[in-house]
Each structure stands twice: as structure tokens, then as C-alpha cells.
Amino acid sequence: MPNKTIIIASETGNRGGRIIKELLKKDVEVRVLVRSSSNKEKIAELEQKFATCFPIN
């Protein structure tokens, strides 16, 4: 069970991916708010790394 939960807004780019990867390594539950128009492949990649994504308009 993760020891913390962090919400990150609109981070499907390279920087966001690196931040999320590091947080997941530290056993942090990551939730990501992404634009519904964001790259679907990037969203799927984040979800495969166990981040939970929530599309917003």
C-alpha cells in the first residue's frame, strides 16, 4: 500500500513522465489529471506504470 498520494495536473510530457516515474519508485500513489485531447499513447504509458489518469476538458 502506498504511503502517500500525489495528484499531478496535465503531465503527459517528458518532464511529467520523469517526475511520475520517480514518485512511483518511492511508493507514492500517483493520480494524473490530463486533457481529454492528450496523446492517448502517453496516457496508456502512464497507466501501465501504475499511475491513475483522469481525463478532463
PDB file of N, CA and C in Angstrom:
ATOM      1  N   MET A   1       0.847  -1.182   0.000  1.00  0.00           N
ATOM      2  CA  MET A   1       0.000   0.000   0.000  1.00  0.00           C
ATOM      3  C   MET A   1       0.891   1.244   0.000  1.00  0.00           C
ATOM      4  N   PRO A   2       0.628   2.193  -0.911  1.00  0.00           N
ATOM      5  CA  PRO A   2       1.437   3.412  -0.965  1.00  0.00           C
ATOM      6  C   PRO A   2       1.329   4.219   0.319  1.00  0.00           C
ATOM      7  N   ASN A   3       2.390   4.952   0.614  1.00  0.00           N
ATOM      8  CA  ASN A   3       2.382   5.745   1.840  1.00  0.00           C
ATOM      9  C   ASN A   3       1.880   7.161   1.613  1.00  0.00           C
ATOM     10  N   LYS A   4       1.767   7.615   0.360  1.00  0.00           N
ATOM     11  CA  LYS A   4       1.270   8.945   0.039  1.00  0.00           C
ATOM     12  C   LYS A   4       0.558   8.897  -1.305  1.00  0.00           C
ATOM     13  N   THR A   5      -0.329   9.868  -1.514  1.00  0.00           N
ATOM     14  CA  THR A   5      -0.979  10.034  -2.813  1.00  0.00           C
ATOM     15  C   THR A   5      -0.690  11.447  -3.287  1.00  0.00           C
ATOM     16  N   ILE A   6      -0.277  11.568  -4.548  1.00  0.00           N
ATOM     17  CA  ILE A   6       0.008  12.873  -5.129  1.00  0.00           C
ATOM     18  C   ILE A   6      -0.787  13.010  -6.420  1.00  0.00           C
ATOM     19  N   ILE A   7      -1.387  14.181  -6.605  1.00  0.00           N
ATOM     20  CA  ILE A   7      -2.112  14.480  -7.838  1.00  0.00           C
ATOM     21  C   ILE A   7      -1.256  15.432  -8.659  1.00  0.00           C
ATOM     22  N   ILE A   8      -1.067  15.093  -9.924  1.00  0.00           N
ATOM     23  CA  ILE A   8      -0.285  15.917 -10.836  1.00  0.00           C
ATOM     24  C   ILE A   8      -1.201  16.340 -11.972  1.00  0.00           C
ATOM     25  N   ALA A   9      -1.164  17.617 -12.316  1.00  0.00           N
ATOM     26  CA  ALA A   9      -2.046  18.139 -13.366  1.00  0.00           C
ATOM     27  C   ALA A   9      -1.315  18.231 -14.702  1.00  0.00           C
ATOM     28  N   SER A  10      -1.926  17.665 -15.724  1.00  0.00           N
ATOM     29  CA  SER A  10      -1.501  17.839 -17.110  1.00  0.00           C
ATOM     30  C   SER A  10      -0.034  17.534 -17.344  1.00  0.00           C
ATOM     31  N   GLU A  11       0.384  16.350 -16.999  1.00  0.00           N
ATOM     32  CA  GLU A  11       1.800  16.000 -17.137  1.00  0.00           C
ATOM     33  C   GLU A  11       1.998  14.765 -18.004  1.00  0.00           C
ATOM     34  N   THR A  12       1.671  14.865 -19.281  1.00  0.00           N
ATOM     35  CA  THR A  12       1.905  13.726 -20.175  1.00  0.00           C
ATOM     36  C   THR A  12       3.182  13.916 -20.986  1.00  0.00           C
ATOM     37  N   GLY A  13       3.906  14.994 -20.765  1.00  0.00           N
ATOM     38  CA  GLY A  13       5.147  15.257 -21.490  1.00  0.00           C
ATOM     39  C   GLY A  13       6.331  14.550 -20.870  1.00  0.00           C
ATOM     40  N   ASN A  14       7.511  14.844 -21.380  1.00  0.00           N
ATOM     41  CA  ASN A  14       8.737  14.189 -20.901  1.00  0.00           C
ATOM     42  C   ASN A  14       9.029  14.501 -19.442  1.00  0.00           C
ATOM     43  N   ARG A  15       8.926  15.760 -19.055  1.00  0.00           N
ATOM     44  CA  ARG A  15       9.214  16.141 -17.667  1.00  0.00           C
ATOM     45  C   ARG A  15       8.237  15.457 -16.724  1.00  0.00           C
ATOM     46  N   GLY A  16       6.963  15.508 -17.067  1.00  0.00           N
ATOM     47  CA  GLY A  16       5.956  14.881 -16.218  1.00  0.00           C
ATOM     48  C   GLY A  16       6.179  13.392 -16.080  1.00  0.00           C
ATOM     49  N   GLY A  17       6.544  12.744 -17.174  1.00  0.00           N
ATOM     50  CA  GLY A  17       6.811  11.306 -17.133  1.00  0.00           C
ATOM     51  C   GLY A  17       7.954  10.962 -16.197  1.00  0.00           C
ATOM     52  N   ARG A  18       8.994  11.786 -16.209  1.00  0.00           N
ATOM     53  CA  ARG A  18      10.140  11.548 -15.313  1.00  0.00           C
ATOM     54  C   ARG A  18       9.750  11.761 -13.856  1.00  0.00           C
ATOM     55  N   ILE A  19       8.950  12.792 -13.605  1.00  0.00           N
ATOM     56  CA  ILE A  19       8.503  13.060 -12.231  1.00  0.00           C
ATOM     57  C   ILE A  19       7.658  11.897 -11.722  1.00  0.00           C
ATOM     58  N   ILE A  20       6.725  11.471 -12.538  1.00  0.00           N
ATOM     59  CA  ILE A  20       5.841  10.364 -12.149  1.00  0.00           C
ATOM     60  C   ILE A  20       6.649   9.091 -11.902  1.00  0.00           C
ATOM     61  N   LYS A  21       7.597   8.798 -12.771  1.00  0.00           N
ATOM     62  CA  LYS A  21       8.432   7.604 -12.617  1.00  0.00           C
ATOM     63  C   LYS A  21       9.167   7.617 -11.276  1.00  0.00           C
ATOM     64  N   GLU A  22       9.729   8.762 -10.903  1.00  0.00           N
ATOM     65  CA  GLU A  22      10.448   8.874  -9.640  1.00  0.00           C
ATOM     66  C   GLU A  22       9.515   8.734  -8.439  1.00  0.00           C
ATOM     67  N   LEU A  23       8.327   9.320  -8.535  1.00  0.00           N
ATOM     68  CA  LEU A  23       7.362   9.190  -7.437  1.00  0.00           C
ATOM     69  C   LEU A  23       6.939   7.737  -7.248  1.00  0.00           C
ATOM     70  N   LEU A  24       6.704   7.035  -8.355  1.00  0.00           N
ATOM     71  CA  LEU A  24       6.306   5.639  -8.265  1.00  0.00           C
ATOM     72  C   LEU A  24       7.421   4.791  -7.644  1.00  0.00           C
ATOM     73  N   LYS A  25       8.670   5.110  -7.930  1.00  0.00           N
ATOM     74  CA  LYS A  25       9.798   4.396  -7.327  1.00  0.00           C
ATOM     75  C   LYS A  25       9.807   4.560  -5.814  1.00  0.00           C
ATOM     76  N   LYS A  26       9.273   5.696  -5.340  1.00  0.00           N
ATOM     77  CA  LYS A  26       9.256   5.992  -3.907  1.00  0.00           C
ATOM     78  C   LYS A  26       7.964   5.536  -3.241  1.00  0.00           C
ATOM     79  N   ASP A  27       7.229   4.651  -3.923  1.00  0.00           N
ATOM     80  CA  ASP A  27       5.997   4.074  -3.391  1.00  0.00           C
ATOM     81  C   ASP A  27       4.937   5.139  -3.105  1.00  0.00           C
ATOM     82  N   VAL A  28       4.827   6.106  -4.015  1.00  0.00           N
ATOM     83  CA  VAL A  28       3.802   7.144  -3.926  1.00  0.00           C
ATOM     84  C   VAL A  28       2.708   6.805  -4.935  1.00  0.00           C
ATOM     85  N   GLU A  29       1.467   6.853  -4.496  1.00  0.00           N
ATOM     86  CA  GLU A  29       0.352   6.648  -5.421  1.00  0.00           C
ATOM     87  C   GLU A  29       0.187   7.929  -6.226  1.00  0.00           C
ATOM     88  N   VAL A  30       0.208   7.796  -7.546  1.00  0.00           N
ATOM     89  CA  VAL A  30       0.163   8.965  -8.419  1.00  0.00           C
ATOM     90  C   VAL A  30      -1.159   8.990  -9.180  1.00  0.00           C
ATOM     91  N   ARG A  31      -1.799  10.136  -9.124  1.00  0.00           N
ATOM     92  CA  ARG A  31      -3.021  10.386  -9.896  1.00  0.00           C
ATOM     93  C   ARG A  31      -2.731  11.570 -10.800  1.00  0.00           C
ATOM     94  N   VAL A  32      -3.082  11.436 -12.062  1.00  0.00           N
ATOM     95  CA  VAL A  32      -2.714  12.448 -13.049  1.00  0.00           C
ATOM     96  C   VAL A  32      -3.972  12.995 -13.730  1.00  0.00           C
ATOM     97  N   LEU A  33      -4.116  14.313 -13.714  1.00  0.00           N
ATOM     98  CA  LEU A  33      -5.179  14.974 -14.463  1.00  0.00           C
ATOM     99  C   LEU A  33      -4.621  15.294 -15.837  1.00  0.00           C
ATOM    100  N   VAL A  34      -5.269  14.796 -16.887  1.00  0.00           N
ATOM    101  CA  VAL A  34      -4.797  15.019 -18.255  1.00  0.00           C
ATOM    102  C   VAL A  34      -5.922  15.587 -19.100  1.00  0.00           C
ATOM    103  N   ARG A  35      -5.567  16.385 -20.078  1.00  0.00           N
ATOM    104  CA  ARG A  35      -6.584  16.889 -21.006  1.00  0.00           C
ATOM    105  C   ARG A  35      -7.150  15.719 -21.797  1.00  0.00           C
ATOM    106  N   SER A  36      -8.438  15.751 -22.062  1.00  0.00           N
ATOM    107  CA  SER A  36      -9.046  14.672 -22.838  1.00  0.00           C
ATOM    108  C   SER A  36      -8.474  14.618 -24.252  1.00  0.00           C
ATOM    109  N   SER A  37      -7.848  15.710 -24.698  1.00  0.00           N
ATOM    110  CA  SER A  37      -7.227  15.753 -26.026  1.00  0.00           C
ATOM    111  C   SER A  37      -5.762  15.315 -26.004  1.00  0.00           C
ATOM    112  N   SER A  38      -5.250  14.900 -24.841  1.00  0.00           N
ATOM    113  CA  SER A  38      -3.846  14.485 -24.731  1.00  0.00           C
ATOM    114  C   SER A  38      -3.589  13.216 -25.531  1.00  0.00           C
ATOM    115  N   ASN A  39      -2.335  13.010 -25.830  1.00  0.00           N
ATOM    116  CA  ASN A  39      -1.890  11.841 -26.578  1.00  0.00           C
ATOM    117  C   ASN A  39      -2.313  10.562 -25.842  1.00  0.00           C
ATOM    118  N   LYS A  40      -3.150   9.775 -26.484  1.00  0.00           N
ATOM    119  CA  LYS A  40      -3.685   8.549 -25.853  1.00  0.00           C
ATOM    120  C   LYS A  40      -2.584   7.543 -25.542  1.00  0.00           C
ATOM    121  N   GLU A  41      -1.543   7.496 -26.382  1.00  0.00           N
ATOM    122  CA  GLU A  41      -0.436   6.577 -26.130  1.00  0.00           C
ATOM    123  C   GLU A  41       0.316   6.964 -24.859  1.00  0.00           C
ATOM    124  N   LYS A  42       0.509   8.267 -24.645  1.00  0.00           N
ATOM    125  CA  LYS A  42       1.198   8.732 -23.427  1.00  0.00           C
ATOM    126  C   LYS A  42       0.362   8.406 -22.193  1.00  0.00           C
ATOM    127  N   ILE A  43      -0.957   8.576 -22.300  1.00  0.00           N
ATOM    128  CA  ILE A  43      -1.837   8.250 -21.173  1.00  0.00           C
ATOM    129  C   ILE A  43      -1.744   6.759 -20.862  1.00  0.00           C
ATOM    130  N   ALA A  44      -1.793   5.931 -21.892  1.00  0.00           N
ATOM    131  CA  ALA A  44      -1.704   4.480 -21.694  1.00  0.00           C
ATOM    132  C   ALA A  44      -0.367   4.101 -21.065  1.00  0.00           C
ATOM    133  N   GLU A  45       0.705   4.764 -21.480  1.00  0.00           N
ATOM    134  CA  GLU A  45       2.031   4.502 -20.913  1.00  0.00           C
ATOM    135  C   GLU A  45       2.064   4.838 -19.424  1.00  0.00           C
ATOM    136  N   LEU A  46       1.472   5.973 -19.054  1.00  0.00           N
ATOM    137  CA  LEU A  46       1.413   6.345 -17.637  1.00  0.00           C
ATOM    138  C   LEU A  46       0.627   5.312 -16.841  1.00  0.00           C
ATOM    139  N   GLU A  47      -0.492   4.871 -17.403  1.00  0.00           N
ATOM    140  CA  GLU A  47      -1.323   3.898 -16.689  1.00  0.00           C
ATOM    141  C   GLU A  47      -0.619   2.558 -16.558  1.00  0.00           C
ATOM    142  N   GLN A  48       0.202   2.187 -17.533  1.00  0.00           N
ATOM    143  CA  GLN A  48       0.962   0.940 -17.438  1.00  0.00           C
ATOM    144  C   GLN A  48       1.983   1.003 -16.312  1.00  0.00           C
ATOM    145  N   LYS A  49       2.423   2.215 -15.982  1.00  0.00           N
ATOM    146  CA  LYS A  49       3.382   2.406 -14.887  1.00  0.00           C
ATOM    147  C   LYS A  49       2.657   2.520 -13.541  1.00  0.00           C
ATOM    148  N   PHE A  50       1.351   2.258 -13.537  1.00  0.00           N
ATOM    149  CA  PHE A  50       0.528   2.250 -12.330  1.00  0.00           C
ATOM    150  C   PHE A  50       0.102   3.626 -11.839  1.00  0.00           C
ATOM    151  N   ALA A  51       0.175   4.633 -12.696  1.00  0.00           N
ATOM    152  CA  ALA A  51      -0.402   5.932 -12.366  1.00  0.00           C
ATOM    153  C   ALA A  51      -1.858   5.883 -12.809  1.00  0.00           C
ATOM    154  N   THR A  52      -2.735   6.517 -12.089  1.00  0.00           N
ATOM    155  CA  THR A  52      -4.146   6.582 -12.451  1.00  0.00           C
ATOM    156  C   THR A  52      -4.396   7.912 -13.143  1.00  0.00           C
ATOM    157  N   CYS A  53      -4.937   7.872 -14.360  1.00  0.00           N
ATOM    158  CA  CYS A  53      -5.167   9.089 -15.141  1.00  0.00           C
ATOM    159  C   CYS A  53      -6.649   9.441 -15.166  1.00  0.00           C
ATOM    160  N   PHE A  54      -6.934  10.719 -15.062  1.00  0.00           N
ATOM    161  CA  PHE A  54      -8.299  11.224 -15.096  1.00  0.00           C
ATOM    162  C   PHE A  54      -8.395  12.296 -16.173  1.00  0.00           C
ATOM    163  N   PRO A  55      -9.017  11.973 -17.327  1.00  0.00           N
ATOM    164  CA  PRO A  55      -9.166  12.976 -18.391  1.00  0.00           C
ATOM    165  C   PRO A  55     -10.125  14.100 -17.970  1.00  0.00           C
ATOM    166  N   ILE A  56      -9.763  15.319 -18.293  1.00  0.00           N
ATOM    167  CA  ILE A  56     -10.608  16.488 -18.041  1.00  0.00           C
ATOM    168  C   ILE A  56     -10.690  17.306 -19.325  1.00  0.00           C
ATOM    169  N   ASN A  57     -11.647  18.165 -19.420  1.00  0.00           N
ATOM    170  CA  ASN A  57     -11.770  19.012 -20.610  1.00  0.00           C
ATOM    171  C   ASN A  57     -11.026  20.301 -20.425  1.00  0.00           C
TER     172      ASN A  57
END
